[in-house]
Amino acid sequence: MTDDENLDNPEYSHKSDFSKAEVVKLQVQKCNEIRSKEMKEGYFNYDDKGNKVYVPDSRKEWVSAVKALRQLLQPEINRDKKYLEYEKQLIKLEETAIHSFGVYPTKIEQGNIIPIKEARKVIPYLDQPFPVAHTSRKPGEATRKKIEKVPGLYNDNFHQYWDMMVNIYDLLFGELNALIDRCNYFKQEISY
């Protein structure tokens, strides 16, 4: 269909069916739905066949939902100095969380575990195996050094990080709602 034919078509409209206010409303509702539930840690379990399965972490769902809302509002964010200043503070809080609960990657050299301090700290994932050095000595034998990977060594760091992220993204969600209000999205009449 050409543009001229579209103009003659009574069902054709120059107005887009896209309503930013409606899309924002739907994402805010999704965020509200996720956050109104208990924030539960993810964990591994076993199904009836003995297969290891992961039960999703609702804290990660919450953070992802707020990130999606933030991306949706990127043009409005770029124009709002108040929001940008507030977000700088939240970015510092995220960096603090990584500094507090992150771990340095490691390398093994000559039987020693060496943290790579030049690297950026990373948040371990749940049950991630990390190398641990053990020494053992049997009677009459020399001391032996053994390195083995131990899963879940930093699970506490993982959980504390994600608990802190929930609090940070609670603050971000509040500020995104204030931004939405400044954009008058709450006052617009949504049409279909």
N, C-alpha and C. Protein backbone atom coordinates (compact mmCIF):
# COMPACT_ATOMS: atom_id res chain seq x y z
N MET A 1 0.84 -1.17 0.00
CA MET A 1 0.00 0.00 0.00
C MET A 1 0.89 1.24 0.00
N THR A 2 0.62 2.17 -0.90
CA THR A 2 1.42 3.39 -0.98
C THR A 2 0.91 4.39 0.04
N ASP A 3 1.67 5.46 0.23
CA ASP A 3 1.26 6.50 1.16
C ASP A 3 -0.05 7.16 0.71
N ASP A 4 -0.22 7.33 -0.62
CA ASP A 4 -1.46 7.93 -1.12
C ASP A 4 -2.66 7.04 -0.82
N GLU A 5 -2.46 5.71 -0.97
CA GLU A 5 -3.55 4.78 -0.67
C GLU A 5 -3.86 4.78 0.82
N ASN A 6 -2.83 4.92 1.65
CA ASN A 6 -3.06 4.97 3.10
C ASN A 6 -3.91 6.17 3.48
N LEU A 7 -3.68 7.31 2.80
CA LEU A 7 -4.43 8.52 3.12
C LEU A 7 -5.91 8.35 2.80
N ASP A 8 -6.23 7.56 1.77
CA ASP A 8 -7.62 7.34 1.40
C ASP A 8 -8.29 6.28 2.26
N ASN A 9 -7.52 5.49 2.95
CA ASN A 9 -8.05 4.42 3.78
C ASN A 9 -8.62 5.01 5.06
N PRO A 10 -9.93 4.79 5.33
CA PRO A 10 -10.54 5.40 6.52
C PRO A 10 -9.98 4.84 7.83
N GLU A 11 -9.33 3.64 7.79
CA GLU A 11 -8.78 3.07 9.02
C GLU A 11 -7.34 3.52 9.26
N TYR A 12 -6.76 4.23 8.31
CA TYR A 12 -5.39 4.70 8.46
C TYR A 12 -5.38 5.96 9.31
N SER A 13 -4.43 6.03 10.22
CA SER A 13 -4.30 7.20 11.07
C SER A 13 -2.85 7.64 11.07
N HIS A 14 -2.65 8.94 10.98
CA HIS A 14 -1.29 9.47 11.07
C HIS A 14 -0.75 9.32 12.48
N LYS A 15 -1.64 9.23 13.45
CA LYS A 15 -1.22 9.11 14.84
C LYS A 15 -0.75 7.68 15.10
N SER A 16 0.29 7.57 15.81
CA SER A 16 0.83 6.26 16.17
C SER A 16 -0.02 5.65 17.28
N ASP A 17 -0.10 4.34 17.26
CA ASP A 17 -0.80 3.65 18.33
C ASP A 17 0.07 3.55 19.57
N PHE A 18 1.33 3.94 19.43
CA PHE A 18 2.26 3.87 20.55
C PHE A 18 1.98 4.98 21.53
N SER A 19 1.79 4.62 22.77
CA SER A 19 1.59 5.60 23.83
C SER A 19 2.66 5.37 24.88
N LYS A 20 3.58 6.28 24.97
CA LYS A 20 4.67 6.15 25.95
C LYS A 20 4.10 6.06 27.36
N ALA A 21 3.09 6.86 27.65
CA ALA A 21 2.48 6.84 28.98
C ALA A 21 1.92 5.46 29.29
N GLU A 22 1.31 4.82 28.31
CA GLU A 22 0.74 3.48 28.53
C GLU A 22 1.84 2.45 28.76
N VAL A 23 2.91 2.53 27.99
CA VAL A 23 4.02 1.59 28.15
C VAL A 23 4.67 1.77 29.53
N VAL A 24 4.86 3.01 29.93
CA VAL A 24 5.43 3.30 31.25
C VAL A 24 4.50 2.78 32.33
N LYS A 25 3.21 3.00 32.16
CA LYS A 25 2.23 2.51 33.13
C LYS A 25 2.33 1.00 33.30
N LEU A 26 2.42 0.28 32.20
CA LEU A 26 2.51 -1.18 32.26
C LEU A 26 3.78 -1.63 32.98
N GLN A 27 4.89 -0.95 32.72
CA GLN A 27 6.14 -1.34 33.38
C GLN A 27 6.12 -1.00 34.86
N VAL A 28 5.52 0.13 35.22
CA VAL A 28 5.38 0.49 36.64
C VAL A 28 4.51 -0.56 37.34
N GLN A 29 3.44 -0.99 36.67
CA GLN A 29 2.59 -2.03 37.26
C GLN A 29 3.36 -3.34 37.45
N LYS A 30 4.18 -3.68 36.46
CA LYS A 30 5.00 -4.90 36.58
C LYS A 30 5.96 -4.78 37.76
N CYS A 31 6.60 -3.63 37.90
CA CYS A 31 7.49 -3.40 39.03
C CYS A 31 6.74 -3.53 40.35
N ASN A 32 5.57 -2.91 40.42
CA ASN A 32 4.77 -2.99 41.64
C ASN A 32 4.39 -4.43 41.97
N GLU A 33 4.04 -5.19 40.95
CA GLU A 33 3.65 -6.59 41.16
C GLU A 33 4.83 -7.40 41.71
N ILE A 34 6.00 -7.22 41.14
CA ILE A 34 7.18 -7.96 41.58
C ILE A 34 7.57 -7.55 43.00
N ARG A 35 7.58 -6.25 43.27
CA ARG A 35 8.07 -5.76 44.57
C ARG A 35 7.07 -5.99 45.69
N SER A 36 5.81 -6.19 45.35
CA SER A 36 4.83 -6.41 46.40
C SER A 36 4.89 -7.84 46.95
N LYS A 37 5.72 -8.67 46.33
CA LYS A 37 5.92 -10.03 46.84
C LYS A 37 7.18 -10.06 47.69
N GLU A 38 7.28 -11.09 48.50
CA GLU A 38 8.47 -11.26 49.33
C GLU A 38 9.69 -11.45 48.44
N MET A 39 10.76 -10.77 48.78
CA MET A 39 12.00 -10.92 48.03
C MET A 39 12.71 -12.17 48.55
N LYS A 40 12.74 -13.19 47.72
CA LYS A 40 13.32 -14.47 48.13
C LYS A 40 14.62 -14.73 47.39
N GLU A 41 15.55 -15.31 48.11
CA GLU A 41 16.84 -15.69 47.52
C GLU A 41 16.62 -16.83 46.53
N GLY A 42 17.41 -16.83 45.48
CA GLY A 42 17.40 -17.97 44.57
C GLY A 42 18.17 -19.12 45.22
N TYR A 43 17.87 -20.31 44.81
CA TYR A 43 18.57 -21.46 45.37
C TYR A 43 18.45 -22.64 44.42
N PHE A 44 19.30 -23.60 44.65
CA PHE A 44 19.26 -24.83 43.88
C PHE A 44 18.45 -25.87 44.63
N ASN A 45 17.71 -26.65 43.89
CA ASN A 45 16.92 -27.72 44.46
C ASN A 45 16.99 -28.90 43.49
N TYR A 46 16.31 -29.95 43.79
CA TYR A 46 16.29 -31.12 42.92
C TYR A 46 14.86 -31.46 42.57
N ASP A 47 14.62 -31.78 41.29
CA ASP A 47 13.27 -32.17 40.87
C ASP A 47 13.06 -33.65 41.20
N ASP A 48 11.88 -34.15 40.84
CA ASP A 48 11.53 -35.54 41.17
C ASP A 48 12.40 -36.57 40.46
N LYS A 49 13.14 -36.14 39.43
CA LYS A 49 14.03 -37.06 38.72
C LYS A 49 15.47 -36.95 39.20
N GLY A 50 15.70 -36.09 40.20
CA GLY A 50 17.04 -35.93 40.74
C GLY A 50 17.89 -34.90 40.02
N ASN A 51 17.30 -34.17 39.08
CA ASN A 51 18.04 -33.14 38.36
C ASN A 51 18.14 -31.88 39.21
N LYS A 52 19.31 -31.27 39.19
CA LYS A 52 19.51 -30.03 39.92
C LYS A 52 18.83 -28.90 39.14
N VAL A 53 17.95 -28.15 39.81
CA VAL A 53 17.23 -27.04 39.18
C VAL A 53 17.42 -25.78 40.02
N TYR A 54 17.40 -24.65 39.34
CA TYR A 54 17.55 -23.37 40.02
C TYR A 54 16.18 -22.73 40.22
N VAL A 55 15.89 -22.35 41.44
CA VAL A 55 14.67 -21.61 41.75
C VAL A 55 15.05 -20.13 41.67
N PRO A 56 14.39 -19.36 40.78
CA PRO A 56 14.81 -17.97 40.52
C PRO A 56 14.81 -17.09 41.77
N ASP A 57 15.69 -16.12 41.73
CA ASP A 57 15.88 -15.16 42.80
C ASP A 57 14.99 -13.95 42.51
N SER A 58 14.00 -13.70 43.35
CA SER A 58 13.08 -12.59 43.09
C SER A 58 13.78 -11.24 43.25
N ARG A 59 14.90 -11.20 43.96
CA ARG A 59 15.65 -9.94 44.09
C ARG A 59 16.20 -9.53 42.73
N LYS A 60 16.69 -10.50 41.96
CA LYS A 60 17.21 -10.22 40.62
C LYS A 60 16.08 -9.80 39.68
N GLU A 61 14.91 -10.42 39.83
CA GLU A 61 13.74 -10.03 39.03
C GLU A 61 13.40 -8.57 39.28
N TRP A 62 13.42 -8.18 40.56
CA TRP A 62 13.09 -6.81 40.93
C TRP A 62 14.06 -5.82 40.30
N VAL A 63 15.34 -6.09 40.44
CA VAL A 63 16.36 -5.20 39.88
C VAL A 63 16.20 -5.11 38.37
N SER A 64 15.96 -6.23 37.71
CA SER A 64 15.78 -6.24 36.25
C SER A 64 14.56 -5.44 35.83
N ALA A 65 13.47 -5.55 36.56
CA ALA A 65 12.25 -4.81 36.22
C ALA A 65 12.47 -3.30 36.33
N VAL A 66 13.18 -2.88 37.38
CA VAL A 66 13.45 -1.45 37.55
C VAL A 66 14.42 -0.96 36.47
N LYS A 67 15.41 -1.80 36.13
CA LYS A 67 16.33 -1.43 35.04
C LYS A 67 15.58 -1.25 33.73
N ALA A 68 14.60 -2.12 33.48
CA ALA A 68 13.80 -2.00 32.25
C ALA A 68 13.02 -0.68 32.25
N LEU A 69 12.45 -0.31 33.38
CA LEU A 69 11.73 0.96 33.48
C LEU A 69 12.69 2.13 33.27
N ARG A 70 13.87 2.02 33.84
CA ARG A 70 14.86 3.08 33.67
C ARG A 70 15.24 3.24 32.20
N GLN A 71 15.44 2.14 31.50
CA GLN A 71 15.79 2.21 30.07
C GLN A 71 14.64 2.81 29.26
N LEU A 72 13.43 2.47 29.62
CA LEU A 72 12.26 3.01 28.94
C LEU A 72 12.20 4.54 29.08
N LEU A 73 12.65 5.03 30.21
CA LEU A 73 12.59 6.48 30.49
C LEU A 73 13.88 7.21 30.13
N GLN A 74 14.77 6.59 29.38
CA GLN A 74 16.07 7.19 29.06
C GLN A 74 15.95 8.61 28.47
N PRO A 75 15.07 8.86 27.50
CA PRO A 75 14.98 10.24 26.96
C PRO A 75 14.59 11.26 28.03
N GLU A 76 13.66 10.88 28.90
CA GLU A 76 13.23 11.79 29.97
C GLU A 76 14.37 11.99 30.98
N ILE A 77 15.11 10.93 31.26
CA ILE A 77 16.24 11.00 32.19
C ILE A 77 17.30 11.96 31.66
N ASN A 78 17.57 11.89 30.36
CA ASN A 78 18.59 12.75 29.76
C ASN A 78 18.25 14.23 29.90
N ARG A 79 16.96 14.55 30.03
CA ARG A 79 16.54 15.95 30.14
C ARG A 79 16.33 16.41 31.58
N ASP A 80 16.49 15.51 32.54
CA ASP A 80 16.14 15.83 33.93
C ASP A 80 17.39 15.86 34.82
N LYS A 81 17.90 17.04 35.10
CA LYS A 81 19.12 17.18 35.89
C LYS A 81 18.94 16.66 37.32
N LYS A 82 17.77 16.85 37.88
CA LYS A 82 17.51 16.38 39.25
C LYS A 82 17.67 14.87 39.33
N TYR A 83 17.09 14.18 38.37
CA TYR A 83 17.21 12.72 38.36
C TYR A 83 18.67 12.30 38.18
N LEU A 84 19.37 12.93 37.25
CA LEU A 84 20.76 12.56 36.96
C LEU A 84 21.64 12.72 38.20
N GLU A 85 21.42 13.78 38.97
CA GLU A 85 22.20 13.98 40.20
C GLU A 85 21.89 12.87 41.21
N TYR A 86 20.63 12.52 41.34
CA TYR A 86 20.24 11.47 42.29
C TYR A 86 20.83 10.12 41.86
N GLU A 87 20.80 9.85 40.57
CA GLU A 87 21.32 8.58 40.08
C GLU A 87 22.82 8.45 40.33
N LYS A 88 23.56 9.55 40.30
CA LYS A 88 24.99 9.51 40.60
C LYS A 88 25.22 8.94 42.01
N GLN A 89 24.38 9.36 42.95
CA GLN A 89 24.48 8.85 44.32
C GLN A 89 24.20 7.35 44.38
N LEU A 90 23.22 6.91 43.61
CA LEU A 90 22.88 5.48 43.61
C LEU A 90 23.98 4.65 42.96
N ILE A 91 24.62 5.20 41.94
CA ILE A 91 25.74 4.50 41.30
C ILE A 91 26.87 4.31 42.30
N LYS A 92 27.10 5.32 43.15
CA LYS A 92 28.12 5.19 44.20
C LYS A 92 27.74 4.09 45.18
N LEU A 93 26.46 3.98 45.50
CA LEU A 93 26.00 2.90 46.39
C LEU A 93 26.23 1.53 45.76
N GLU A 94 25.97 1.42 44.45
CA GLU A 94 26.23 0.16 43.75
C GLU A 94 27.71 -0.18 43.79
N GLU A 95 28.56 0.83 43.58
CA GLU A 95 30.00 0.60 43.63
C GLU A 95 30.43 0.16 45.03
N THR A 96 29.80 0.75 46.05
CA THR A 96 30.08 0.35 47.43
C THR A 96 29.69 -1.11 47.65
N ALA A 97 28.56 -1.52 47.10
CA ALA A 97 28.12 -2.91 47.24
C ALA A 97 29.12 -3.87 46.59
N ILE A 98 29.61 -3.50 45.42
CA ILE A 98 30.60 -4.35 44.73
C ILE A 98 31.90 -4.37 45.53
N HIS A 99 32.31 -3.22 46.04
CA HIS A 99 33.54 -3.17 46.84
C HIS A 99 33.40 -4.00 48.12
N SER A 100 32.23 -3.90 48.76
CA SER A 100 32.00 -4.61 50.03
C SER A 100 31.86 -6.11 49.86
N PHE A 101 31.15 -6.54 48.84
CA PHE A 101 30.80 -7.96 48.74
C PHE A 101 31.45 -8.68 47.56
N GLY A 102 32.16 -7.93 46.72
CA GLY A 102 32.83 -8.55 45.59
C GLY A 102 34.12 -9.24 46.01
N VAL A 103 34.61 -10.10 45.16
CA VAL A 103 35.88 -10.79 45.41
C VAL A 103 36.76 -10.61 44.18
N TYR A 104 38.06 -10.61 44.41
CA TYR A 104 38.99 -10.52 43.31
C TYR A 104 39.09 -11.87 42.61
N PRO A 105 39.19 -11.85 41.29
CA PRO A 105 39.49 -13.11 40.59
C PRO A 105 40.86 -13.61 41.08
N THR A 106 41.10 -14.88 40.94
CA THR A 106 42.37 -15.44 41.40
C THR A 106 43.07 -16.18 40.29
N LYS A 107 44.36 -16.39 40.51
CA LYS A 107 45.15 -17.24 39.63
C LYS A 107 45.99 -18.14 40.53
N ILE A 108 46.41 -19.24 39.97
CA ILE A 108 47.23 -20.18 40.73
C ILE A 108 48.63 -20.19 40.13
N GLU A 109 49.60 -19.86 40.98
CA GLU A 109 51.00 -19.85 40.55
C GLU A 109 51.83 -20.64 41.55
N GLN A 110 52.54 -21.62 41.06
CA GLN A 110 53.42 -22.45 41.88
C GLN A 110 52.71 -22.97 43.13
N GLY A 111 51.48 -23.41 42.94
CA GLY A 111 50.72 -24.00 44.05
C GLY A 111 50.13 -23.00 45.02
N ASN A 112 50.18 -21.71 44.69
CA ASN A 112 49.61 -20.67 45.55
C ASN A 112 48.45 -19.99 44.85
N ILE A 113 47.45 -19.64 45.64
CA ILE A 113 46.29 -18.91 45.13
C ILE A 113 46.58 -17.42 45.30
N ILE A 114 46.59 -16.70 44.19
CA ILE A 114 46.94 -15.28 44.23
C ILE A 114 45.77 -14.45 43.70
N PRO A 115 45.25 -13.54 44.54
CA PRO A 115 44.20 -12.64 44.04
C PRO A 115 44.77 -11.66 43.02
N ILE A 116 44.01 -11.41 41.98
CA ILE A 116 44.44 -10.46 40.94
C ILE A 116 43.90 -9.09 41.33
N LYS A 117 44.69 -8.37 42.10
CA LYS A 117 44.23 -7.09 42.68
C LYS A 117 44.08 -6.00 41.63
N GLU A 118 44.72 -6.17 40.45
CA GLU A 118 44.57 -5.17 39.40
C GLU A 118 43.19 -5.30 38.74
N ALA A 119 42.57 -6.44 38.88
CA ALA A 119 41.26 -6.69 38.27
C ALA A 119 40.17 -6.05 39.13
N ARG A 120 39.06 -5.85 38.51
CA ARG A 120 37.89 -5.32 39.22
C ARG A 120 37.27 -6.45 40.03
N LYS A 121 36.80 -6.13 41.23
CA LYS A 121 36.11 -7.14 42.03
C LYS A 121 34.83 -7.57 41.31
N VAL A 122 34.47 -8.82 41.48
CA VAL A 122 33.24 -9.33 40.88
C VAL A 122 32.37 -9.94 41.98
N ILE A 123 31.08 -9.94 41.72
CA ILE A 123 30.16 -10.58 42.65
C ILE A 123 30.09 -12.05 42.27
N PRO A 124 30.41 -12.92 43.20
CA PRO A 124 30.36 -14.35 42.88
C PRO A 124 28.91 -14.77 42.63
N TYR A 125 28.73 -15.77 41.79
CA TYR A 125 27.38 -16.28 41.62
C TYR A 125 27.13 -17.38 42.63
N LEU A 126 25.89 -17.75 42.80
CA LEU A 126 25.50 -18.73 43.81
C LEU A 126 26.19 -20.06 43.55
N ASP A 127 26.80 -20.59 44.59
CA ASP A 127 27.51 -21.88 44.57
C ASP A 127 28.71 -21.89 43.63
N GLN A 128 29.23 -20.72 43.28
CA GLN A 128 30.41 -20.66 42.43
C GLN A 128 31.59 -21.30 43.15
N PRO A 129 32.30 -22.20 42.48
CA PRO A 129 33.47 -22.81 43.12
C PRO A 129 34.67 -21.86 43.11
N PHE A 130 35.36 -21.77 44.24
CA PHE A 130 36.56 -20.96 44.38
C PHE A 130 37.69 -21.84 44.89
N PRO A 131 38.91 -21.56 44.43
CA PRO A 131 40.04 -22.38 44.88
C PRO A 131 40.38 -22.12 46.34
N VAL A 132 40.68 -23.19 47.05
CA VAL A 132 41.07 -23.12 48.46
C VAL A 132 42.29 -24.03 48.62
N ALA A 133 43.29 -23.51 49.32
CA ALA A 133 44.50 -24.30 49.56
C ALA A 133 44.38 -25.04 50.88
N HIS A 134 44.73 -26.31 50.86
CA HIS A 134 44.74 -27.14 52.07
C HIS A 134 46.13 -27.72 52.23
N THR A 135 46.54 -27.85 53.44
CA THR A 135 47.79 -28.56 53.70
C THR A 135 47.44 -29.82 54.46
N SER A 136 48.09 -30.87 54.12
CA SER A 136 47.85 -32.11 54.83
C SER A 136 49.20 -32.77 55.11
N ARG A 137 49.19 -33.54 56.15
CA ARG A 137 50.43 -34.21 56.53
C ARG A 137 50.07 -35.54 57.15
N LYS A 138 50.54 -36.57 56.52
CA LYS A 138 50.36 -37.90 57.08
C LYS A 138 51.59 -38.21 57.92
N PRO A 139 51.41 -39.00 58.96
CA PRO A 139 52.57 -39.33 59.80
C PRO A 139 53.70 -39.92 58.95
N GLY A 140 54.88 -39.39 59.16
CA GLY A 140 56.05 -39.88 58.45
C GLY A 140 56.23 -39.29 57.06
N GLU A 141 55.32 -38.41 56.62
CA GLU A 141 55.44 -37.79 55.29
C GLU A 141 55.59 -36.28 55.43
N ALA A 142 56.07 -35.68 54.37
CA ALA A 142 56.21 -34.22 54.34
C ALA A 142 54.83 -33.58 54.18
N THR A 143 54.74 -32.33 54.59
CA THR A 143 53.49 -31.58 54.43
C THR A 143 53.21 -31.40 52.94
N ARG A 144 51.96 -31.66 52.56
CA ARG A 144 51.57 -31.52 51.16
C ARG A 144 50.54 -30.42 51.04
N LYS A 145 50.67 -29.65 49.97
CA LYS A 145 49.73 -28.57 49.69
C LYS A 145 48.81 -29.03 48.56
N LYS A 146 47.54 -28.84 48.78
CA LYS A 146 46.56 -29.27 47.78
C LYS A 146 45.57 -28.12 47.56
N ILE A 147 45.24 -27.87 46.32
CA ILE A 147 44.25 -26.84 46.00
C ILE A 147 43.01 -27.53 45.44
N GLU A 148 41.89 -27.18 46.03
CA GLU A 148 40.63 -27.72 45.51
C GLU A 148 39.63 -26.58 45.38
N LYS A 149 38.68 -26.77 44.48
CA LYS A 149 37.65 -25.75 44.28
C LYS A 149 36.46 -26.10 45.17
N VAL A 150 36.09 -25.13 46.00
CA VAL A 150 35.01 -25.32 46.96
C VAL A 150 33.81 -24.50 46.50
N PRO A 151 32.68 -25.15 46.20
CA PRO A 151 31.50 -24.39 45.78
C PRO A 151 30.83 -23.68 46.97
N GLY A 152 30.30 -22.50 46.68
CA GLY A 152 29.52 -21.78 47.68
C GLY A 152 30.32 -21.07 48.75
N LEU A 153 31.61 -20.98 48.57
CA LEU A 153 32.47 -20.34 49.57
C LEU A 153 32.03 -18.90 49.83
N TYR A 154 31.56 -18.22 48.80
CA TYR A 154 31.17 -16.81 48.93
C TYR A 154 29.66 -16.61 48.74
N ASN A 155 28.87 -17.62 49.06
CA ASN A 155 27.41 -17.46 48.94
C ASN A 155 26.89 -16.33 49.82
N ASP A 156 27.49 -16.13 50.99
CA ASP A 156 27.05 -15.06 51.87
C ASP A 156 27.26 -13.70 51.20
N ASN A 157 28.39 -13.54 50.50
CA ASN A 157 28.65 -12.29 49.76
C ASN A 157 27.57 -12.08 48.69
N PHE A 158 27.26 -13.16 47.97
CA PHE A 158 26.24 -13.12 46.92
C PHE A 158 24.91 -12.62 47.50
N HIS A 159 24.48 -13.21 48.61
CA HIS A 159 23.18 -12.84 49.19
C HIS A 159 23.20 -11.43 49.77
N GLN A 160 24.28 -11.04 50.42
CA GLN A 160 24.34 -9.68 50.98
C GLN A 160 24.34 -8.63 49.86
N TYR A 161 25.04 -8.93 48.77
CA TYR A 161 25.05 -8.01 47.63
C TYR A 161 23.63 -7.82 47.09
N TRP A 162 22.94 -8.91 46.85
CA TRP A 162 21.60 -8.80 46.27
C TRP A 162 20.60 -8.18 47.24
N ASP A 163 20.76 -8.39 48.54
CA ASP A 163 19.91 -7.71 49.52
C ASP A 163 20.13 -6.20 49.43
N MET A 164 21.39 -5.79 49.30
CA MET A 164 21.70 -4.36 49.18
C MET A 164 21.15 -3.81 47.87
N MET A 165 21.22 -4.59 46.80
CA MET A 165 20.70 -4.14 45.51
C MET A 165 19.19 -3.90 45.58
N VAL A 166 18.47 -4.72 46.32
CA VAL A 166 17.02 -4.51 46.48
C VAL A 166 16.79 -3.13 47.09
N ASN A 167 17.55 -2.79 48.13
CA ASN A 167 17.38 -1.48 48.78
C ASN A 167 17.73 -0.33 47.83
N ILE A 168 18.81 -0.50 47.06
CA ILE A 168 19.21 0.54 46.11
C ILE A 168 18.13 0.73 45.04
N TYR A 169 17.60 -0.38 44.54
CA TYR A 169 16.60 -0.28 43.48
C TYR A 169 15.23 0.13 44.00
N ASP A 170 14.98 -0.02 45.30
CA ASP A 170 13.80 0.59 45.90
C ASP A 170 13.91 2.11 45.78
N LEU A 171 15.09 2.63 46.11
CA LEU A 171 15.32 4.08 46.01
C LEU A 171 15.22 4.54 44.56
N LEU A 172 15.80 3.77 43.65
CA LEU A 172 15.77 4.14 42.23
C LEU A 172 14.32 4.14 41.71
N PHE A 173 13.56 3.15 42.09
CA PHE A 173 12.16 3.07 41.65
C PHE A 173 11.38 4.30 42.15
N GLY A 174 11.63 4.68 43.40
CA GLY A 174 10.97 5.89 43.94
C GLY A 174 11.32 7.12 43.13
N GLU A 175 12.60 7.26 42.78
CA GLU A 175 13.03 8.43 42.01
C GLU A 175 12.50 8.38 40.58
N LEU A 176 12.40 7.18 40.01
CA LEU A 176 11.81 7.05 38.67
C LEU A 176 10.33 7.46 38.70
N ASN A 177 9.64 7.13 39.78
CA ASN A 177 8.24 7.55 39.91
C ASN A 177 8.13 9.07 40.04
N ALA A 178 9.08 9.68 40.74
CA ALA A 178 9.09 11.14 40.83
C ALA A 178 9.34 11.75 39.45
N LEU A 179 10.24 11.15 38.67
CA LEU A 179 10.51 11.60 37.31
C LEU A 179 9.25 11.47 36.44
N ILE A 180 8.58 10.34 36.55
CA ILE A 180 7.35 10.12 35.78
C ILE A 180 6.32 11.19 36.15
N ASP A 181 6.24 11.53 37.42
CA ASP A 181 5.31 12.56 37.86
C ASP A 181 5.70 13.93 37.27
N ARG A 182 6.99 14.23 37.26
CA ARG A 182 7.44 15.50 36.67
C ARG A 182 7.14 15.55 35.17
N CYS A 183 7.09 14.38 34.53
CA CYS A 183 6.76 14.31 33.09
C CYS A 183 5.25 14.31 32.85
N ASN A 184 4.49 14.38 33.92
CA ASN A 184 3.02 14.41 33.87
C ASN A 184 2.41 13.13 33.28
N TYR A 185 3.11 12.03 33.34
CA TYR A 185 2.53 10.78 32.83
C TYR A 185 1.37 10.31 33.69
N PHE A 186 1.39 10.66 34.97
CA PHE A 186 0.30 10.23 35.85
C PHE A 186 -0.97 11.03 35.58
N LYS A 187 -0.81 12.19 34.98
CA LYS A 187 -1.96 13.07 34.77
C LYS A 187 -2.56 12.92 33.37
N GLN A 188 -1.84 12.27 32.48
CA GLN A 188 -2.33 12.12 31.12
C GLN A 188 -3.48 11.12 31.10
N GLU A 189 -4.40 11.38 30.19
CA GLU A 189 -5.49 10.43 29.98
C GLU A 189 -4.98 9.47 28.93
N ILE A 190 -5.04 8.22 29.25
CA ILE A 190 -4.53 7.20 28.34
C ILE A 190 -5.65 6.77 27.42
N SER A 191 -5.36 6.82 26.11
CA SER A 191 -6.37 6.42 25.14
C SER A 191 -5.91 5.19 24.39
N TYR A 192 -6.84 4.44 23.93
CA TYR A 192 -6.53 3.21 23.20
C TYR A 192 -6.86 3.34 21.73
